[in-house]
Amino acid sequence: MTLPPTVTERAFARLAEIGAAAQGKALRVAVEGGGCSGFQYEIDLDTPKDDDLVLEGQGETVVVDSVSLPFLAGATIDFTEELIGARFAIDNPNASSSCGCGTSFSI
């Protein structure tokens, strides 16, 4: 059994600020082929689907599809604010390397 990803309180708070649940949306975190390191994260507001893993907090929802789930086992989904901007970020223990932008990784 693999560990599911976790979502920080800061990420749920940001979703509440943008009113995702009020729009009937969830934060979808997916892994797709591509990017400069082999895989890339796709992060978007979307409607939950039947086969999604659903993570809930503060009245908000984060979903991960069944194909992406093994790539995100044990990962932490967070929201960061830095000088270069604010974004949802993934701390993924499965990634052996990642690119400077933080959205592309290899296993």
PDB file of N, CA and C in Angstrom:
ATOM      1  N   MET A   1       0.851  -1.198   0.000  1.00  0.00           N
ATOM      2  CA  MET A   1       0.000   0.000   0.000  1.00  0.00           C
ATOM      3  C   MET A   1       0.882   1.242   0.000  1.00  0.00           C
ATOM      4  N   THR A   2       0.660   2.118  -0.928  1.00  0.00           N
ATOM      5  CA  THR A   2       1.443   3.348  -1.002  1.00  0.00           C
ATOM      6  C   THR A   2       0.747   4.460  -0.228  1.00  0.00           C
ATOM      7  N   LEU A   3       1.556   5.366   0.271  1.00  0.00           N
ATOM      8  CA  LEU A   3       1.016   6.506   1.000  1.00  0.00           C
ATOM      9  C   LEU A   3       0.359   7.477   0.026  1.00  0.00           C
ATOM     10  N   PRO A   4      -0.818   7.966   0.355  1.00  0.00           N
ATOM     11  CA  PRO A   4      -1.425   8.973  -0.515  1.00  0.00           C
ATOM     12  C   PRO A   4      -0.700  10.307  -0.342  1.00  0.00           C
ATOM     13  N   PRO A   5      -0.843  11.204  -1.300  1.00  0.00           N
ATOM     14  CA  PRO A   5      -0.269  12.533  -1.104  1.00  0.00           C
ATOM     15  C   PRO A   5      -1.003  13.257   0.029  1.00  0.00           C
ATOM     16  N   THR A   6      -0.351  14.248   0.598  1.00  0.00           N
ATOM     17  CA  THR A   6      -0.982  15.071   1.622  1.00  0.00           C
ATOM     18  C   THR A   6      -1.058  16.509   1.113  1.00  0.00           C
ATOM     19  N   VAL A   7      -1.970  17.259   1.689  1.00  0.00           N
ATOM     20  CA  VAL A   7      -2.170  18.651   1.306  1.00  0.00           C
ATOM     21  C   VAL A   7      -1.989  19.505   2.553  1.00  0.00           C
ATOM     22  N   THR A   8      -1.183  20.560   2.446  1.00  0.00           N
ATOM     23  CA  THR A   8      -0.949  21.429   3.596  1.00  0.00           C
ATOM     24  C   THR A   8      -2.154  22.331   3.859  1.00  0.00           C
ATOM     25  N   GLU A   9      -2.237  22.802   5.096  1.00  0.00           N
ATOM     26  CA  GLU A   9      -3.283  23.755   5.455  1.00  0.00           C
ATOM     27  C   GLU A   9      -3.172  25.020   4.604  1.00  0.00           C
ATOM     28  N   ARG A  10      -1.939  25.413   4.284  1.00  0.00           N
ATOM     29  CA  ARG A  10      -1.709  26.607   3.462  1.00  0.00           C
ATOM     30  C   ARG A  10      -2.319  26.443   2.061  1.00  0.00           C
ATOM     31  N   ALA A  11      -2.216  25.243   1.489  1.00  0.00           N
ATOM     32  CA  ALA A  11      -2.804  24.986   0.169  1.00  0.00           C
ATOM     33  C   ALA A  11      -4.327  25.032   0.233  1.00  0.00           C
ATOM     34  N   PHE A  12      -4.899  24.407   1.264  1.00  0.00           N
ATOM     35  CA  PHE A  12      -6.354  24.463   1.407  1.00  0.00           C
ATOM     36  C   PHE A  12      -6.815  25.904   1.632  1.00  0.00           C
ATOM     37  N   ALA A  13      -6.061  26.677   2.415  1.00  0.00           N
ATOM     38  CA  ALA A  13      -6.418  28.072   2.681  1.00  0.00           C
ATOM     39  C   ALA A  13      -6.414  28.881   1.385  1.00  0.00           C
ATOM     40  N   ARG A  14      -5.444  28.640   0.517  1.00  0.00           N
ATOM     41  CA  ARG A  14      -5.391  29.360  -0.760  1.00  0.00           C
ATOM     42  C   ARG A  14      -6.582  28.992  -1.630  1.00  0.00           C
ATOM     43  N   LEU A  15      -6.957  27.720  -1.649  1.00  0.00           N
ATOM     44  CA  LEU A  15      -8.137  27.309  -2.412  1.00  0.00           C
ATOM     45  C   LEU A  15      -9.383  28.009  -1.881  1.00  0.00           C
ATOM     46  N   ALA A  16      -9.477  28.154  -0.551  1.00  0.00           N
ATOM     47  CA  ALA A  16     -10.615  28.861   0.042  1.00  0.00           C
ATOM     48  C   ALA A  16     -10.604  30.327  -0.368  1.00  0.00           C
ATOM     49  N   GLU A  17      -9.416  30.944  -0.424  1.00  0.00           N
ATOM     50  CA  GLU A  17      -9.301  32.347  -0.830  1.00  0.00           C
ATOM     51  C   GLU A  17      -9.808  32.568  -2.255  1.00  0.00           C
ATOM     52  N   ILE A  18      -9.510  31.629  -3.138  1.00  0.00           N
ATOM     53  CA  ILE A  18      -9.942  31.801  -4.533  1.00  0.00           C
ATOM     54  C   ILE A  18     -11.350  31.254  -4.770  1.00  0.00           C
ATOM     55  N   GLY A  19     -11.943  30.663  -3.734  1.00  0.00           N
ATOM     56  CA  GLY A  19     -13.327  30.210  -3.821  1.00  0.00           C
ATOM     57  C   GLY A  19     -13.551  29.024  -4.730  1.00  0.00           C
ATOM     58  N   ALA A  20     -12.624  28.084  -4.717  1.00  0.00           N
ATOM     59  CA  ALA A  20     -12.746  26.924  -5.611  1.00  0.00           C
ATOM     60  C   ALA A  20     -14.029  26.138  -5.347  1.00  0.00           C
ATOM     61  N   ALA A  21     -14.302  25.810  -4.084  1.00  0.00           N
ATOM     62  CA  ALA A  21     -15.486  25.010  -3.761  1.00  0.00           C
ATOM     63  C   ALA A  21     -16.767  25.756  -4.122  1.00  0.00           C
ATOM     64  N   ALA A  22     -16.775  27.072  -3.926  1.00  0.00           N
ATOM     65  CA  ALA A  22     -17.956  27.876  -4.257  1.00  0.00           C
ATOM     66  C   ALA A  22     -18.253  27.824  -5.752  1.00  0.00           C
ATOM     67  N   GLN A  23     -17.220  27.548  -6.560  1.00  0.00           N
ATOM     68  CA  GLN A  23     -17.393  27.421  -8.006  1.00  0.00           C
ATOM     69  C   GLN A  23     -17.658  25.976  -8.417  1.00  0.00           C
ATOM     70  N   GLY A  24     -17.731  25.064  -7.421  1.00  0.00           N
ATOM     71  CA  GLY A  24     -17.921  23.648  -7.725  1.00  0.00           C
ATOM     72  C   GLY A  24     -16.667  22.985  -8.256  1.00  0.00           C
ATOM     73  N   LYS A  25     -15.517  23.576  -7.950  1.00  0.00           N
ATOM     74  CA  LYS A  25     -14.244  23.082  -8.486  1.00  0.00           C
ATOM     75  C   LYS A  25     -13.352  22.526  -7.372  1.00  0.00           C
ATOM     76  N   ALA A  26     -12.404  21.713  -7.799  1.00  0.00           N
ATOM     77  CA  ALA A  26     -11.366  21.172  -6.925  1.00  0.00           C
ATOM     78  C   ALA A  26     -10.025  21.447  -7.588  1.00  0.00           C
ATOM     79  N   LEU A  27      -8.971  21.442  -6.801  1.00  0.00           N
ATOM     80  CA  LEU A  27      -7.627  21.556  -7.365  1.00  0.00           C
ATOM     81  C   LEU A  27      -7.222  20.173  -7.859  1.00  0.00           C
ATOM     82  N   ARG A  28      -7.015  20.042  -9.162  1.00  0.00           N
ATOM     83  CA  ARG A  28      -6.569  18.771  -9.735  1.00  0.00           C
ATOM     84  C   ARG A  28      -5.056  18.806  -9.867  1.00  0.00           C
ATOM     85  N   VAL A  29      -4.406  17.782  -9.293  1.00  0.00           N
ATOM     86  CA  VAL A  29      -2.961  17.612  -9.419  1.00  0.00           C
ATOM     87  C   VAL A  29      -2.746  16.321 -10.197  1.00  0.00           C
ATOM     88  N   ALA A  30      -2.104  16.441 -11.354  1.00  0.00           N
ATOM     89  CA  ALA A  30      -1.885  15.286 -12.226  1.00  0.00           C
ATOM     90  C   ALA A  30      -0.430  15.261 -12.670  1.00  0.00           C
ATOM     91  N   VAL A  31       0.007  14.091 -13.116  1.00  0.00           N
ATOM     92  CA  VAL A  31       1.348  13.918 -13.673  1.00  0.00           C
ATOM     93  C   VAL A  31       1.184  13.493 -15.120  1.00  0.00           C
ATOM     94  N   GLU A  32       1.899  14.178 -16.007  1.00  0.00           N
ATOM     95  CA  GLU A  32       1.847  13.854 -17.428  1.00  0.00           C
ATOM     96  C   GLU A  32       3.255  13.717 -17.970  1.00  0.00           C
ATOM     97  N   GLY A  33       3.406  12.978 -19.045  1.00  0.00           N
ATOM     98  CA  GLY A  33       4.688  12.887 -19.714  1.00  0.00           C
ATOM     99  C   GLY A  33       5.039  14.212 -20.344  1.00  0.00           C
ATOM    100  N   GLY A  34       6.317  14.566 -20.318  1.00  0.00           N
ATOM    101  CA  GLY A  34       6.748  15.820 -20.931  1.00  0.00           C
ATOM    102  C   GLY A  34       7.607  16.633 -19.988  1.00  0.00           C
ATOM    103  N   GLY A  35       7.811  17.875 -20.340  1.00  0.00           N
ATOM    104  CA  GLY A  35       8.663  18.733 -19.531  1.00  0.00           C
ATOM    105  C   GLY A  35      10.122  18.435 -19.807  1.00  0.00           C
ATOM    106  N   CYS A  36      10.999  19.208 -19.232  1.00  0.00           N
ATOM    107  CA  CYS A  36      12.426  19.050 -19.515  1.00  0.00           C
ATOM    108  C   CYS A  36      13.058  17.883 -18.766  1.00  0.00           C
ATOM    109  N   SER A  37      12.337  17.278 -17.803  1.00  0.00           N
ATOM    110  CA  SER A  37      12.918  16.171 -17.043  1.00  0.00           C
ATOM    111  C   SER A  37      12.188  14.849 -17.229  1.00  0.00           C
ATOM    112  N   GLY A  38      11.201  14.784 -18.101  1.00  0.00           N
ATOM    113  CA  GLY A  38      10.516  13.522 -18.377  1.00  0.00           C
ATOM    114  C   GLY A  38       9.055  13.507 -17.977  1.00  0.00           C
ATOM    115  N   PHE A  39       8.728  14.074 -16.812  1.00  0.00           N
ATOM    116  CA  PHE A  39       7.345  14.173 -16.346  1.00  0.00           C
ATOM    117  C   PHE A  39       7.104  15.609 -15.928  1.00  0.00           C
ATOM    118  N   GLN A  40       5.842  16.009 -15.964  1.00  0.00           N
ATOM    119  CA  GLN A  40       5.523  17.347 -15.489  1.00  0.00           C
ATOM    120  C   GLN A  40       4.208  17.319 -14.717  1.00  0.00           C
ATOM    121  N   TYR A  41       4.087  18.247 -13.786  1.00  0.00           N
ATOM    122  CA  TYR A  41       2.860  18.389 -13.019  1.00  0.00           C
ATOM    123  C   TYR A  41       1.877  19.243 -13.794  1.00  0.00           C
ATOM    124  N   GLU A  42       0.646  18.838 -13.764  1.00  0.00           N
ATOM    125  CA  GLU A  42      -0.444  19.615 -14.328  1.00  0.00           C
ATOM    126  C   GLU A  42      -1.346  19.979 -13.150  1.00  0.00           C
ATOM    127  N   ILE A  43      -1.461  21.256 -12.854  1.00  0.00           N
ATOM    128  CA  ILE A  43      -2.239  21.727 -11.716  1.00  0.00           C
ATOM    129  C   ILE A  43      -3.289  22.693 -12.245  1.00  0.00           C
ATOM    130  N   ASP A  44      -4.567  22.373 -11.965  1.00  0.00           N
ATOM    131  CA  ASP A  44      -5.647  23.153 -12.533  1.00  0.00           C
ATOM    132  C   ASP A  44      -6.889  23.019 -11.658  1.00  0.00           C
ATOM    133  N   LEU A  45      -7.815  23.948 -11.803  1.00  0.00           N
ATOM    134  CA  LEU A  45      -9.119  23.798 -11.172  1.00  0.00           C
ATOM    135  C   LEU A  45      -9.987  22.983 -12.105  1.00  0.00           C
ATOM    136  N   ASP A  46     -10.663  21.968 -11.548  1.00  0.00           N
ATOM    137  CA  ASP A  46     -11.422  21.036 -12.361  1.00  0.00           C
ATOM    138  C   ASP A  46     -12.549  20.466 -11.499  1.00  0.00           C
ATOM    139  N   THR A  47     -13.468  19.769 -12.141  1.00  0.00           N
ATOM    140  CA  THR A  47     -14.510  19.078 -11.383  1.00  0.00           C
ATOM    141  C   THR A  47     -14.028  17.663 -11.067  1.00  0.00           C
ATOM    142  N   PRO A  48     -14.306  17.184  -9.847  1.00  0.00           N
ATOM    143  CA  PRO A  48     -13.892  15.828  -9.482  1.00  0.00           C
ATOM    144  C   PRO A  48     -14.554  14.778 -10.373  1.00  0.00           C
ATOM    145  N   LYS A  49     -13.828  13.693 -10.608  1.00  0.00           N
ATOM    146  CA  LYS A  49     -14.333  12.572 -11.401  1.00  0.00           C
ATOM    147  C   LYS A  49     -14.450  11.342 -10.500  1.00  0.00           C
ATOM    148  N   ASP A  50     -15.184  10.351 -10.953  1.00  0.00           N
ATOM    149  CA  ASP A  50     -15.493   9.187 -10.130  1.00  0.00           C
ATOM    150  C   ASP A  50     -14.272   8.429  -9.626  1.00  0.00           C
ATOM    151  N   ASP A  51     -13.200   8.329 -10.442  1.00  0.00           N
ATOM    152  CA  ASP A  51     -12.052   7.514 -10.041  1.00  0.00           C
ATOM    153  C   ASP A  51     -10.943   8.336  -9.363  1.00  0.00           C
ATOM    154  N   ASP A  52     -11.221   9.590  -9.004  1.00  0.00           N
ATOM    155  CA  ASP A  52     -10.218  10.432  -8.349  1.00  0.00           C
ATOM    156  C   ASP A  52     -10.052  10.079  -6.877  1.00  0.00           C
ATOM    157  N   LEU A  53      -8.818  10.227  -6.386  1.00  0.00           N
ATOM    158  CA  LEU A  53      -8.576  10.255  -4.949  1.00  0.00           C
ATOM    159  C   LEU A  53      -8.977  11.656  -4.503  1.00  0.00           C
ATOM    160  N   VAL A  54      -9.795  11.756  -3.474  1.00  0.00           N
ATOM    161  CA  VAL A  54     -10.293  13.041  -2.995  1.00  0.00           C
ATOM    162  C   VAL A  54      -9.674  13.341  -1.640  1.00  0.00           C
ATOM    163  N   LEU A  55      -9.026  14.495  -1.531  1.00  0.00           N
ATOM    164  CA  LEU A  55      -8.429  14.969  -0.287  1.00  0.00           C
ATOM    165  C   LEU A  55      -9.157  16.253   0.093  1.00  0.00           C
ATOM    166  N   GLU A  56      -9.694  16.302   1.320  1.00  0.00           N
ATOM    167  CA  GLU A  56     -10.508  17.442   1.709  1.00  0.00           C
ATOM    168  C   GLU A  56      -9.981  18.126   2.958  1.00  0.00           C
ATOM    169  N   GLY A  57     -10.167  19.449   3.004  1.00  0.00           N
ATOM    170  CA  GLY A  57      -9.799  20.242   4.169  1.00  0.00           C
ATOM    171  C   GLY A  57     -10.316  21.650   4.017  1.00  0.00           C
ATOM    172  N   GLN A  58     -10.733  22.267   5.114  1.00  0.00           N
ATOM    173  CA  GLN A  58     -11.217  23.645   5.132  1.00  0.00           C
ATOM    174  C   GLN A  58     -12.339  23.879   4.125  1.00  0.00           C
ATOM    175  N   GLY A  59     -13.144  22.847   3.880  1.00  0.00           N
ATOM    176  CA  GLY A  59     -14.249  22.979   2.940  1.00  0.00           C
ATOM    177  C   GLY A  59     -13.828  22.941   1.482  1.00  0.00           C
ATOM    178  N   GLU A  60     -12.550  22.669   1.232  1.00  0.00           N
ATOM    179  CA  GLU A  60     -12.008  22.634  -0.128  1.00  0.00           C
ATOM    180  C   GLU A  60     -11.571  21.212  -0.478  1.00  0.00           C
ATOM    181  N   THR A  61     -11.342  20.979  -1.770  1.00  0.00           N
ATOM    182  CA  THR A  61     -11.022  19.641  -2.258  1.00  0.00           C
ATOM    183  C   THR A  61      -9.836  19.667  -3.208  1.00  0.00           C
ATOM    184  N   VAL A  62      -8.961  18.681  -3.050  1.00  0.00           N
ATOM    185  CA  VAL A  62      -7.867  18.422  -3.991  1.00  0.00           C
ATOM    186  C   VAL A  62      -8.083  17.016  -4.519  1.00  0.00           C
ATOM    187  N   VAL A  63      -7.957  16.826  -5.835  1.00  0.00           N
ATOM    188  CA  VAL A  63      -8.163  15.509  -6.433  1.00  0.00           C
ATOM    189  C   VAL A  63      -6.936  15.087  -7.230  1.00  0.00           C
ATOM    190  N   VAL A  64      -6.707  13.767  -7.236  1.00  0.00           N
ATOM    191  CA  VAL A  64      -5.613  13.163  -7.997  1.00  0.00           C
ATOM    192  C   VAL A  64      -6.200  11.978  -8.749  1.00  0.00           C
ATOM    193  N   ASP A  65      -5.965  11.908 -10.056  1.00  0.00           N
ATOM    194  CA  ASP A  65      -6.498  10.794 -10.842  1.00  0.00           C
ATOM    195  C   ASP A  65      -5.709   9.514 -10.560  1.00  0.00           C
ATOM    196  N   SER A  66      -6.309   8.378 -10.877  1.00  0.00           N
ATOM    197  CA  SER A  66      -5.724   7.080 -10.544  1.00  0.00           C
ATOM    198  C   SER A  66      -4.409   6.810 -11.281  1.00  0.00           C
ATOM    199  N   VAL A  67      -4.220   7.373 -12.472  1.00  0.00           N
ATOM    200  CA  VAL A  67      -2.982   7.172 -13.226  1.00  0.00           C
ATOM    201  C   VAL A  67      -1.831   7.949 -12.580  1.00  0.00           C
ATOM    202  N   SER A  68      -2.112   9.149 -12.086  1.00  0.00           N
ATOM    203  CA  SER A  68      -1.077   9.999 -11.476  1.00  0.00           C
ATOM    204  C   SER A  68      -0.726   9.577 -10.058  1.00  0.00           C
ATOM    205  N   LEU A  69      -1.636   8.878  -9.389  1.00  0.00           N
ATOM    206  CA  LEU A  69      -1.464   8.553  -7.974  1.00  0.00           C
ATOM    207  C   LEU A  69      -0.146   7.862  -7.635  1.00  0.00           C
ATOM    208  N   PRO A  70       0.306   6.845  -8.392  1.00  0.00           N
ATOM    209  CA  PRO A  70       1.586   6.210  -8.043  1.00  0.00           C
ATOM    210  C   PRO A  70       2.779   7.173  -8.107  1.00  0.00           C
ATOM    211  N   PHE A  71       2.726   8.148  -8.998  1.00  0.00           N
ATOM    212  CA  PHE A  71       3.819   9.120  -9.121  1.00  0.00           C
ATOM    213  C   PHE A  71       3.815  10.124  -7.975  1.00  0.00           C
ATOM    214  N   LEU A  72       2.676  10.259  -7.297  1.00  0.00           N
ATOM    215  CA  LEU A  72       2.530  11.241  -6.231  1.00  0.00           C
ATOM    216  C   LEU A  72       2.440  10.617  -4.841  1.00  0.00           C
ATOM    217  N   ALA A  73       2.745   9.317  -4.741  1.00  0.00           N
ATOM    218  CA  ALA A  73       2.684   8.631  -3.450  1.00  0.00           C
ATOM    219  C   ALA A  73       3.619   9.303  -2.443  1.00  0.00           C
ATOM    220  N   GLY A  74       3.068   9.702  -1.317  1.00  0.00           N
ATOM    221  CA  GLY A  74       3.858  10.324  -0.256  1.00  0.00           C
ATOM    222  C   GLY A  74       4.231  11.773  -0.511  1.00  0.00           C
ATOM    223  N   ALA A  75       3.765  12.360  -1.604  1.00  0.00           N
ATOM    224  CA  ALA A  75       4.100  13.746  -1.939  1.00  0.00           C
ATOM    225  C   ALA A  75       3.302  14.715  -1.064  1.00  0.00           C
ATOM    226  N   THR A  76       3.804  15.939  -0.959  1.00  0.00           N
ATOM    227  CA  THR A  76       3.111  17.001  -0.239  1.00  0.00           C
ATOM    228  C   THR A  76       2.746  18.100  -1.227  1.00  0.00           C
ATOM    229  N   ILE A  77       1.469  18.454  -1.240  1.00  0.00           N
ATOM    230  CA  ILE A  77       0.964  19.524  -2.094  1.00  0.00           C
ATOM    231  C   ILE A  77       0.849  20.766  -1.221  1.00  0.00           C
ATOM    232  N   ASP A  78       1.539  21.827  -1.611  1.00  0.00           N
ATOM    233  CA  ASP A  78       1.638  23.028  -0.790  1.00  0.00           C
ATOM    234  C   ASP A  78       1.360  24.258  -1.649  1.00  0.00           C
ATOM    235  N   PHE A  79       1.223  25.404  -1.003  1.00  0.00           N
ATOM    236  CA  PHE A  79       1.132  26.682  -1.703  1.00  0.00           C
ATOM    237  C   PHE A  79       2.270  27.548  -1.192  1.00  0.00           C
ATOM    238  N   THR A  80       3.073  28.076  -2.104  1.00  0.00           N
ATOM    239  CA  THR A  80       4.224  28.889  -1.709  1.00  0.00           C
ATOM    240  C   THR A  80       4.119  30.287  -2.288  1.00  0.00           C
ATOM    241  N   GLU A  81       4.637  31.235  -1.546  1.00  0.00           N
ATOM    242  CA  GLU A  81       4.725  32.618  -2.016  1.00  0.00           C
ATOM    243  C   GLU A  81       6.187  33.030  -1.924  1.00  0.00           C
ATOM    244  N   GLU A  82       6.767  33.346  -3.079  1.00  0.00           N
ATOM    245  CA  GLU A  82       8.177  33.709  -3.165  1.00  0.00           C
ATOM    246  C   GLU A  82       8.312  35.006  -3.939  1.00  0.00           C
ATOM    247  N   LEU A  83       9.503  35.523  -4.025  1.00  0.00           N
ATOM    248  CA  LEU A  83       9.730  36.749  -4.781  1.00  0.00           C
ATOM    249  C   LEU A  83       9.323  36.625  -6.244  1.00  0.00           C
ATOM    250  N   ILE A  84       9.501  35.421  -6.807  1.00  0.00           N
ATOM    251  CA  ILE A  84       9.181  35.220  -8.224  1.00  0.00           C
ATOM    252  C   ILE A  84       7.702  34.955  -8.459  1.00  0.00           C
ATOM    253  N   GLY A  85       6.929  34.807  -7.401  1.00  0.00           N
ATOM    254  CA  GLY A  85       5.499  34.597  -7.552  1.00  0.00           C
ATOM    255  C   GLY A  85       4.960  33.565  -6.584  1.00  0.00           C
ATOM    256  N   ALA A  86       3.669  33.389  -6.614  1.00  0.00           N
ATOM    257  CA  ALA A  86       2.983  32.432  -5.761  1.00  0.00           C
ATOM    258  C   ALA A  86       2.481  31.281  -6.627  1.00  0.00           C
ATOM    259  N   ARG A  87       2.516  30.063  -6.060  1.00  0.00           N
ATOM    260  CA  ARG A  87       2.086  28.902  -6.843  1.00  0.00           C
ATOM    261  C   ARG A  87       1.830  27.711  -5.936  1.00  0.00           C
ATOM    262  N   PHE A  88       1.063  26.771  -6.450  1.00  0.00           N
ATOM    263  CA  PHE A  88       0.944  25.477  -5.791  1.00  0.00           C
ATOM    264  C   PHE A  88       2.202  24.702  -6.149  1.00  0.00           C
ATOM    265  N   ALA A  89       2.809  24.053  -5.158  1.00  0.00           N
ATOM    266  CA  ALA A  89       4.071  23.343  -5.364  1.00  0.00           C
ATOM    267  C   ALA A  89       3.946  21.922  -4.830  1.00  0.00           C
ATOM    268  N   ILE A  90       4.717  21.029  -5.425  1.00  0.00           N
ATOM    269  CA  ILE A  90       4.714  19.621  -5.043  1.00  0.00           C
ATOM    270  C   ILE A  90       6.093  19.249  -4.500  1.00  0.00           C
ATOM    271  N   ASP A  91       6.128  18.713  -3.287  1.00  0.00           N
ATOM    272  CA  ASP A  91       7.353  18.133  -2.738  1.00  0.00           C
ATOM    273  C   ASP A  91       7.191  16.625  -2.894  1.00  0.00           C
ATOM    274  N   ASN A  92       7.885  16.056  -3.879  1.00  0.00           N
ATOM    275  CA  ASN A  92       7.670  14.672  -4.269  1.00  0.00           C
ATOM    276  C   ASN A  92       8.883  13.815  -3.936  1.00  0.00           C
ATOM    277  N   PRO A  93       8.753  12.893  -2.961  1.00  0.00           N
ATOM    278  CA  PRO A  93       9.881  12.031  -2.602  1.00  0.00           C
ATOM    279  C   PRO A  93      10.240  11.017  -3.685  1.00  0.00           C
ATOM    280  N   ASN A  94       9.371  10.837  -4.689  1.00  0.00           N
ATOM    281  CA  ASN A  94       9.621   9.886  -5.777  1.00  0.00           C
ATOM    282  C   ASN A  94      10.494  10.471  -6.873  1.00  0.00           C
ATOM    283  N   ALA A  95      10.637  11.789  -6.901  1.00  0.00           N
ATOM    284  CA  ALA A  95      11.400  12.449  -7.963  1.00  0.00           C
ATOM    285  C   ALA A  95      12.887  12.348  -7.661  1.00  0.00           C
ATOM    286  N   SER A  96      13.638  11.769  -8.599  1.00  0.00           N
ATOM    287  CA  SER A  96      15.089  11.665  -8.411  1.00  0.00           C
ATOM    288  C   SER A  96      15.784  12.952  -8.796  1.00  0.00           C
ATOM    289  N   SER A  97      15.163  13.733  -9.675  1.00  0.00           N
ATOM    290  CA  SER A  97      15.692  15.052 -10.041  1.00  0.00           C
ATOM    291  C   SER A  97      14.537  15.882 -10.553  1.00  0.00           C
ATOM    292  N   SER A  98      14.706  17.196 -10.520  1.00  0.00           N
ATOM    293  CA  SER A  98      13.691  18.092 -11.041  1.00  0.00           C
ATOM    294  C   SER A  98      14.375  19.292 -11.684  1.00  0.00           C
ATOM    295  N   CYS A  99      13.609  19.992 -12.489  1.00  0.00           N
ATOM    296  CA  CYS A  99      14.162  21.168 -13.159  1.00  0.00           C
ATOM    297  C   CYS A  99      14.027  22.388 -12.255  1.00  0.00           C
ATOM    298  N   GLY A 100      14.634  23.466 -12.655  1.00  0.00           N
ATOM    299  CA  GLY A 100      14.623  24.684 -11.848  1.00  0.00           C
ATOM    300  C   GLY A 100      13.245  25.278 -11.639  1.00  0.00           C
ATOM    301  N   CYS A 101      12.334  25.058 -12.581  1.00  0.00           N
ATOM    302  CA  CYS A 101      10.998  25.658 -12.457  1.00  0.00           C
ATOM    303  C   CYS A 101      10.135  24.921 -11.453  1.00  0.00           C
ATOM    304  N   GLY A 102      10.499  23.675 -11.099  1.00  0.00           N
ATOM    305  CA  GLY A 102       9.755  22.922 -10.113  1.00  0.00           C
ATOM    306  C   GLY A 102       8.515  22.245 -10.652  1.00  0.00           C
ATOM    307  N   THR A 103       8.251  22.318 -11.945  1.00  0.00           N
ATOM    308  CA  THR A 103       7.075  21.664 -12.503  1.00  0.00           C
ATOM    309  C   THR A 103       7.412  20.424 -13.311  1.00  0.00           C
ATOM    310  N   SER A 104       8.679  20.133 -13.478  1.00  0.00           N
ATOM    311  CA  SER A 104       9.129  18.990 -14.269  1.00  0.00           C
ATOM    312  C   SER A 104      10.065  18.148 -13.419  1.00  0.00           C
ATOM    313  N   PHE A 105       9.976  16.815 -13.555  1.00  0.00           N
ATOM    314  CA  PHE A 105      10.808  15.936 -12.739  1.00  0.00           C
ATOM    315  C   PHE A 105      11.040  14.617 -13.426  1.00  0.00           C
ATOM    316  N   SER A 106      11.994  13.845 -12.901  1.00  0.00           N
ATOM    317  CA  SER A 106      12.221  12.472 -13.393  1.00  0.00           C
ATOM    318  C   SER A 106      12.206  11.534 -12.197  1.00  0.00           C
ATOM    319  N   ILE A 107      11.975  10.269 -12.495  1.00  0.00           N
ATOM    320  CA  ILE A 107      11.898   9.249 -11.443  1.00  0.00           C
ATOM    321  C   ILE A 107      13.032   8.266 -11.636  1.00  0.00           C
TER     322      ILE A 107
END
